[in-house]
Amino acid sequence: MTVLECALPRCSHQFTHSKHYNPYCSEYCHTIHHEKIPVGGSWPKLERKCNWCNHQYPITYAMAQDANVAFCCRECSFAAQGLRKYYCLMLILKLNPEGITAQDIAPKGEQHGCPMNFSKAAMRLRTLIARKLVVYETSTHNTYPQRVYYINPEIEHLPLQESMTVLDSMRKTTRRDKVRQRRADDNAYCR
């Protein structure tokens, strides 16, 4: 496995791979470089939108290096985890507004914590098309026609939290949700 060093001159963080921000180690360093934010004596705080609810929250250099800063709070993280497979697909489509094929989506799934092959990606995309979250067009740039997928233009401005409510029936309920509900019931009984 190749160890890379962040391309931001002030950052000396080493990493084995970067999900979307090569040659930078994190979204933070990528943003600092591309928005040309001056880095003086200390690292500046940046504003970031939550991947789930679009709420603005501050991130620092230390947060970007130590933890996943994709969500503003634990509740958003837990809500997205319940629909993890579909959330990953929607996030990949959101990061590729020019459109992307199922063959290109499959390798990106592992980068988002949801490994999949071509057939699983295509199957999940069919579900999202049926729920009117994703649209496609057929491209003939190659020797055979391929579908290029996009987020439905009617919902692309909405946060994923709102647009993915049509998938609530598919939400995986986990043991964690059951424990939380039991604690809430116990607390309500004690009062």
C-alpha atoms as a PDB file:
ATOM      1  CA  MET A   1       0.000   0.000   0.000  1.00  0.00           C
ATOM      2  CA  THR A   2       1.422   3.365  -1.009  1.00  0.00           C
ATOM      3  CA  VAL A   3       1.706   6.081   1.622  1.00  0.00           C
ATOM      4  CA  LEU A   4       1.074   9.548   0.229  1.00  0.00           C
ATOM      5  CA  GLU A   5       1.748  12.961   1.703  1.00  0.00           C
ATOM      6  CA  CYS A   6      -0.811  15.751   1.534  1.00  0.00           C
ATOM      7  CA  ALA A   7      -0.186  18.249  -1.303  1.00  0.00           C
ATOM      8  CA  LEU A   8      -1.042  21.234   0.902  1.00  0.00           C
ATOM      9  CA  PRO A   9       2.409  22.644   1.790  1.00  0.00           C
ATOM     10  CA  ARG A  10       1.641  23.350   5.453  1.00  0.00           C
ATOM     11  CA  CYS A  11       0.006  19.974   6.104  1.00  0.00           C
ATOM     12  CA  SER A  12       2.387  17.073   6.559  1.00  0.00           C
ATOM     13  CA  HIS A  13      -0.286  14.458   7.173  1.00  0.00           C
ATOM     14  CA  GLN A  14       0.400  11.097   5.542  1.00  0.00           C
ATOM     15  CA  PHE A  15      -2.418   8.900   4.269  1.00  0.00           C
ATOM     16  CA  THR A  16      -2.863   5.685   2.323  1.00  0.00           C
ATOM     17  CA  HIS A  17      -5.754   6.858   0.159  1.00  0.00           C
ATOM     18  CA  SER A  18      -8.136   9.788  -0.072  1.00  0.00           C
ATOM     19  CA  LYS A  19     -11.767   9.222  -0.863  1.00  0.00           C
ATOM     20  CA  HIS A  20     -12.389  12.130  -3.190  1.00  0.00           C
ATOM     21  CA  TYR A  21      -9.710  14.701  -2.597  1.00  0.00           C
ATOM     22  CA  ASN A  22      -6.455  13.357  -4.061  1.00  0.00           C
ATOM     23  CA  PRO A  23      -3.742  14.593  -3.704  1.00  0.00           C
ATOM     24  CA  TYR A  24      -5.054  16.098  -0.442  1.00  0.00           C
ATOM     25  CA  CYS A  25      -5.529  14.102   2.741  1.00  0.00           C
ATOM     26  CA  SER A  26      -8.972  15.510   3.557  1.00  0.00           C
ATOM     27  CA  GLU A  27     -11.807  17.725   2.411  1.00  0.00           C
ATOM     28  CA  TYR A  28     -10.436  20.422   4.734  1.00  0.00           C
ATOM     29  CA  CYS A  29      -7.048  20.640   2.957  1.00  0.00           C
ATOM     30  CA  HIS A  30      -8.758  20.445  -0.440  1.00  0.00           C
ATOM     31  CA  THR A  31     -11.039  23.365   0.482  1.00  0.00           C
ATOM     32  CA  ILE A  32      -8.169  25.470   1.881  1.00  0.00           C
ATOM     33  CA  HIS A  33      -6.210  25.058  -1.369  1.00  0.00           C
ATOM     34  CA  HIS A  34      -9.027  25.490  -3.900  1.00  0.00           C
ATOM     35  CA  GLU A  35     -10.711  28.444  -2.190  1.00  0.00           C
ATOM     36  CA  LYS A  36      -7.285  30.018  -1.603  1.00  0.00           C
ATOM     37  CA  ILE A  37      -7.901  30.580   2.115  1.00  0.00           C
ATOM     38  CA  PRO A  38      -4.805  32.070   3.757  1.00  0.00           C
ATOM     39  CA  VAL A  39      -3.369  29.956   6.559  1.00  0.00           C
ATOM     40  CA  GLY A  40      -1.627  32.219   9.063  1.00  0.00           C
ATOM     41  CA  GLY A  41      -0.420  31.232  12.524  1.00  0.00           C
ATOM     42  CA  SER A  42      -3.299  28.829  13.180  1.00  0.00           C
ATOM     43  CA  TRP A  43      -5.607  26.762  11.013  1.00  0.00           C
ATOM     44  CA  PRO A  44      -8.875  28.590  10.228  1.00  0.00           C
ATOM     45  CA  LYS A  45     -12.320  27.220  11.000  1.00  0.00           C
ATOM     46  CA  LEU A  46     -14.304  26.405   7.872  1.00  0.00           C
ATOM     47  CA  GLU A  47     -18.055  26.147   7.424  1.00  0.00           C
ATOM     48  CA  ARG A  48     -19.342  22.879   5.994  1.00  0.00           C
ATOM     49  CA  LYS A  49     -22.802  21.585   5.075  1.00  0.00           C
ATOM     50  CA  CYS A  50     -23.979  18.348   6.642  1.00  0.00           C
ATOM     51  CA  ASN A  51     -24.350  15.558   4.059  1.00  0.00           C
ATOM     52  CA  TRP A  52     -27.726  14.597   5.535  1.00  0.00           C
ATOM     53  CA  CYS A  53     -29.578  17.772   6.609  1.00  0.00           C
ATOM     54  CA  ASN A  54     -27.543  20.573   4.904  1.00  0.00           C
ATOM     55  CA  HIS A  55     -27.070  22.339   8.267  1.00  0.00           C
ATOM     56  CA  GLN A  56     -23.947  24.546   8.339  1.00  0.00           C
ATOM     57  CA  TYR A  57     -21.395  23.694  11.033  1.00  0.00           C
ATOM     58  CA  PRO A  58     -17.740  24.573  11.671  1.00  0.00           C
ATOM     59  CA  ILE A  59     -14.871  22.142  11.094  1.00  0.00           C
ATOM     60  CA  THR A  60     -11.254  22.532  12.102  1.00  0.00           C
ATOM     61  CA  TYR A  61      -8.034  20.971  10.860  1.00  0.00           C
ATOM     62  CA  ALA A  62      -7.925  18.600  13.849  1.00  0.00           C
ATOM     63  CA  MET A  63     -11.517  17.447  13.274  1.00  0.00           C
ATOM     64  CA  ALA A  64     -10.779  16.744   9.608  1.00  0.00           C
ATOM     65  CA  GLN A  65      -7.738  14.600  10.478  1.00  0.00           C
ATOM     66  CA  ASP A  66      -9.239  12.615  13.370  1.00  0.00           C
ATOM     67  CA  ALA A  67     -12.854  11.916  12.502  1.00  0.00           C
ATOM     68  CA  ASN A  68     -15.475  11.667   9.820  1.00  0.00           C
ATOM     69  CA  VAL A  69     -16.864  15.179   9.499  1.00  0.00           C
ATOM     70  CA  ALA A  70     -19.563  14.364   6.960  1.00  0.00           C
ATOM     71  CA  PHE A  71     -22.390  14.927   9.469  1.00  0.00           C
ATOM     72  CA  CYS A  72     -23.195  17.791  11.826  1.00  0.00           C
ATOM     73  CA  CYS A  73     -24.336  15.517  14.681  1.00  0.00           C
ATOM     74  CA  ARG A  74     -24.723  11.898  15.691  1.00  0.00           C
ATOM     75  CA  GLU A  75     -28.462  11.899  14.909  1.00  0.00           C
ATOM     76  CA  CYS A  76     -27.775  12.724  11.261  1.00  0.00           C
ATOM     77  CA  SER A  77     -25.123  10.023  11.132  1.00  0.00           C
ATOM     78  CA  PHE A  78     -27.488   7.418  12.606  1.00  0.00           C
ATOM     79  CA  ALA A  79     -30.327   8.450  10.259  1.00  0.00           C
ATOM     80  CA  ALA A  80     -28.075   8.068   7.215  1.00  0.00           C
ATOM     81  CA  GLN A  81     -26.768   4.702   8.462  1.00  0.00           C
ATOM     82  CA  GLY A  82     -30.292   3.277   8.393  1.00  0.00           C
ATOM     83  CA  LEU A  83     -30.359   3.831   4.620  1.00  0.00           C
ATOM     84  CA  ARG A  84     -26.617   3.347   4.127  1.00  0.00           C
ATOM     85  CA  LYS A  85     -26.705   1.600   0.740  1.00  0.00           C
ATOM     86  CA  TYR A  86     -29.018   4.155  -0.834  1.00  0.00           C
ATOM     87  CA  TYR A  87     -27.420   7.088   0.973  1.00  0.00           C
ATOM     88  CA  CYS A  88     -24.036   6.115  -0.528  1.00  0.00           C
ATOM     89  CA  LEU A  89     -25.499   5.985  -4.027  1.00  0.00           C
ATOM     90  CA  MET A  90     -27.199   9.355  -3.627  1.00  0.00           C
ATOM     91  CA  LEU A  91     -23.999  10.899  -2.267  1.00  0.00           C
ATOM     92  CA  ILE A  92     -21.960   9.538  -5.196  1.00  0.00           C
ATOM     93  CA  LEU A  93     -24.520  10.983  -7.614  1.00  0.00           C
ATOM     94  CA  LYS A  94     -24.465  14.312  -5.760  1.00  0.00           C
ATOM     95  CA  LEU A  95     -20.660  14.460  -6.026  1.00  0.00           C
ATOM     96  CA  ASN A  96     -20.894  13.734  -9.781  1.00  0.00           C
ATOM     97  CA  PRO A  97     -23.497  16.190 -11.129  1.00  0.00           C
ATOM     98  CA  GLU A  98     -22.281  15.618 -14.704  1.00  0.00           C
ATOM     99  CA  GLY A  99     -23.654  12.068 -14.508  1.00  0.00           C
ATOM    100  CA  ILE A 100     -22.094   8.690 -13.842  1.00  0.00           C
ATOM    101  CA  THR A 101     -22.593   5.109 -15.043  1.00  0.00           C
ATOM    102  CA  ALA A 102     -23.264   2.106 -12.800  1.00  0.00           C
ATOM    103  CA  GLN A 103     -19.851   0.702 -13.740  1.00  0.00           C
ATOM    104  CA  ASP A 104     -18.206   3.870 -12.407  1.00  0.00           C
ATOM    105  CA  ILE A 105     -20.399   3.931  -9.281  1.00  0.00           C
ATOM    106  CA  ALA A 106     -19.414   0.413  -8.155  1.00  0.00           C
ATOM    107  CA  PRO A 107     -15.740   1.139  -7.293  1.00  0.00           C
ATOM    108  CA  LYS A 108     -16.703   4.382  -5.546  1.00  0.00           C
ATOM    109  CA  GLY A 109     -19.010   2.464  -3.196  1.00  0.00           C
ATOM    110  CA  GLU A 110     -16.084   1.116  -1.211  1.00  0.00           C
ATOM    111  CA  GLN A 111     -14.705   4.629  -0.770  1.00  0.00           C
ATOM    112  CA  HIS A 112     -18.005   5.587   0.864  1.00  0.00           C
ATOM    113  CA  GLY A 113     -18.113   2.562   3.153  1.00  0.00           C
ATOM    114  CA  CYS A 114     -20.612   0.593   1.081  1.00  0.00           C
ATOM    115  CA  PRO A 115     -18.824  -1.940  -1.156  1.00  0.00           C
ATOM    116  CA  MET A 116     -20.791  -3.064  -4.192  1.00  0.00           C
ATOM    117  CA  ASN A 117     -20.323  -4.601  -7.577  1.00  0.00           C
ATOM    118  CA  PHE A 118     -21.889  -3.518 -10.864  1.00  0.00           C
ATOM    119  CA  SER A 119     -25.046  -5.641 -10.494  1.00  0.00           C
ATOM    120  CA  LYS A 120     -25.741  -4.424  -6.929  1.00  0.00           C
ATOM    121  CA  ALA A 121     -25.245  -0.820  -8.007  1.00  0.00           C
ATOM    122  CA  ALA A 122     -27.619  -1.309 -10.946  1.00  0.00           C
ATOM    123  CA  MET A 123     -30.221  -3.020  -8.730  1.00  0.00           C
ATOM    124  CA  ARG A 124     -30.137  -0.199  -6.159  1.00  0.00           C
ATOM    125  CA  LEU A 125     -30.304   2.399  -8.921  1.00  0.00           C
ATOM    126  CA  ARG A 126     -33.466   0.728 -10.268  1.00  0.00           C
ATOM    127  CA  THR A 127     -35.026   1.119  -6.810  1.00  0.00           C
ATOM    128  CA  LEU A 128     -34.085   4.802  -6.722  1.00  0.00           C
ATOM    129  CA  ILE A 129     -35.471   5.307 -10.246  1.00  0.00           C
ATOM    130  CA  ALA A 130     -38.775   3.700  -9.226  1.00  0.00           C
ATOM    131  CA  ARG A 131     -38.984   6.107  -6.256  1.00  0.00           C
ATOM    132  CA  LYS A 132     -38.243   9.048  -8.609  1.00  0.00           C
ATOM    133  CA  LEU A 133     -35.007   9.997  -6.847  1.00  0.00           C
ATOM    134  CA  VAL A 134     -32.767   9.237  -9.834  1.00  0.00           C
ATOM    135  CA  VAL A 135     -33.168   9.780 -13.567  1.00  0.00           C
ATOM    136  CA  TYR A 136     -31.039   8.497 -16.435  1.00  0.00           C
ATOM    137  CA  GLU A 137     -30.295   8.995 -20.084  1.00  0.00           C
ATOM    138  CA  THR A 138     -28.769   6.574 -22.530  1.00  0.00           C
ATOM    139  CA  SER A 139     -25.330   7.474 -23.789  1.00  0.00           C
ATOM    140  CA  THR A 140     -23.808   6.016 -26.949  1.00  0.00           C
ATOM    141  CA  HIS A 141     -20.299   7.437 -26.598  1.00  0.00           C
ATOM    142  CA  ASN A 142     -18.871   3.923 -26.404  1.00  0.00           C
ATOM    143  CA  THR A 143     -19.486   1.037 -28.772  1.00  0.00           C
ATOM    144  CA  TYR A 144     -22.512  -0.038 -26.739  1.00  0.00           C
ATOM    145  CA  PRO A 145     -25.221   2.098 -25.112  1.00  0.00           C
ATOM    146  CA  GLN A 146     -24.820   2.898 -21.421  1.00  0.00           C
ATOM    147  CA  ARG A 147     -27.108   4.549 -18.932  1.00  0.00           C
ATOM    148  CA  VAL A 148     -25.804   7.708 -17.299  1.00  0.00           C
ATOM    149  CA  TYR A 149     -27.475   8.410 -13.938  1.00  0.00           C
ATOM    150  CA  TYR A 150     -28.274  11.760 -12.294  1.00  0.00           C
ATOM    151  CA  ILE A 151     -30.142  12.919  -9.214  1.00  0.00           C
ATOM    152  CA  ASN A 152     -33.649  13.958 -10.235  1.00  0.00           C
ATOM    153  CA  PRO A 153     -33.474  17.729 -10.985  1.00  0.00           C
ATOM    154  CA  GLU A 154     -36.707  18.272  -9.030  1.00  0.00           C
ATOM    155  CA  ILE A 155     -35.052  17.174  -5.773  1.00  0.00           C
ATOM    156  CA  GLU A 156     -31.362  17.956  -6.262  1.00  0.00           C
ATOM    157  CA  HIS A 157     -31.587  21.168  -4.210  1.00  0.00           C
ATOM    158  CA  LEU A 158     -33.182  19.343  -1.242  1.00  0.00           C
ATOM    159  CA  PRO A 159     -31.123  17.844   1.575  1.00  0.00           C
ATOM    160  CA  LEU A 160     -30.887  14.048   1.454  1.00  0.00           C
ATOM    161  CA  GLN A 161     -32.898  13.895   4.687  1.00  0.00           C
ATOM    162  CA  GLU A 162     -35.960  15.308   2.905  1.00  0.00           C
ATOM    163  CA  SER A 163     -35.523  13.715  -0.502  1.00  0.00           C
ATOM    164  CA  MET A 164     -34.983  10.209   0.870  1.00  0.00           C
ATOM    165  CA  THR A 165     -38.136  10.100   3.037  1.00  0.00           C
ATOM    166  CA  VAL A 166     -39.720   7.936   0.322  1.00  0.00           C
ATOM    167  CA  LEU A 167     -37.285   5.203   1.371  1.00  0.00           C
ATOM    168  CA  ASP A 168     -38.314   5.177   5.051  1.00  0.00           C
ATOM    169  CA  SER A 169     -40.112   1.859   4.599  1.00  0.00           C
ATOM    170  CA  MET A 170     -36.741   0.343   3.623  1.00  0.00           C
ATOM    171  CA  ARG A 171     -34.921   1.745   6.656  1.00  0.00           C
ATOM    172  CA  LYS A 172     -32.988  -0.860   8.574  1.00  0.00           C
ATOM    173  CA  THR A 173     -33.916  -0.797  12.232  1.00  0.00           C
ATOM    174  CA  THR A 174     -30.955  -1.777  14.281  1.00  0.00           C
ATOM    175  CA  ARG A 175     -30.422  -2.950  17.802  1.00  0.00           C
ATOM    176  CA  ARG A 176     -29.243   0.580  18.616  1.00  0.00           C
ATOM    177  CA  ASP A 177     -32.672   2.006  17.734  1.00  0.00           C
ATOM    178  CA  LYS A 178     -34.392  -0.585  19.921  1.00  0.00           C
ATOM    179  CA  VAL A 179     -32.098   0.224  22.862  1.00  0.00           C
ATOM    180  CA  ARG A 180     -32.749   3.963  22.433  1.00  0.00           C
ATOM    181  CA  GLN A 181     -36.497   3.390  22.366  1.00  0.00           C
ATOM    182  CA  ARG A 182     -36.330   1.221  25.488  1.00  0.00           C
ATOM    183  CA  ARG A 183     -34.323   3.915  27.334  1.00  0.00           C
ATOM    184  CA  ALA A 184     -36.784   6.607  26.251  1.00  0.00           C
ATOM    185  CA  ASP A 185     -39.689   4.461  27.471  1.00  0.00           C
ATOM    186  CA  ASP A 186     -37.901   3.831  30.794  1.00  0.00           C
ATOM    187  CA  ASN A 187     -37.247   7.541  31.266  1.00  0.00           C
ATOM    188  CA  ALA A 188     -40.860   8.408  30.478  1.00  0.00           C
ATOM    189  CA  TYR A 189     -42.049   5.804  33.009  1.00  0.00           C
ATOM    190  CA  CYS A 190     -39.759   7.164  35.751  1.00  0.00           C
ATOM    191  CA  ARG A 191     -41.115  10.707  35.513  1.00  0.00           C
END
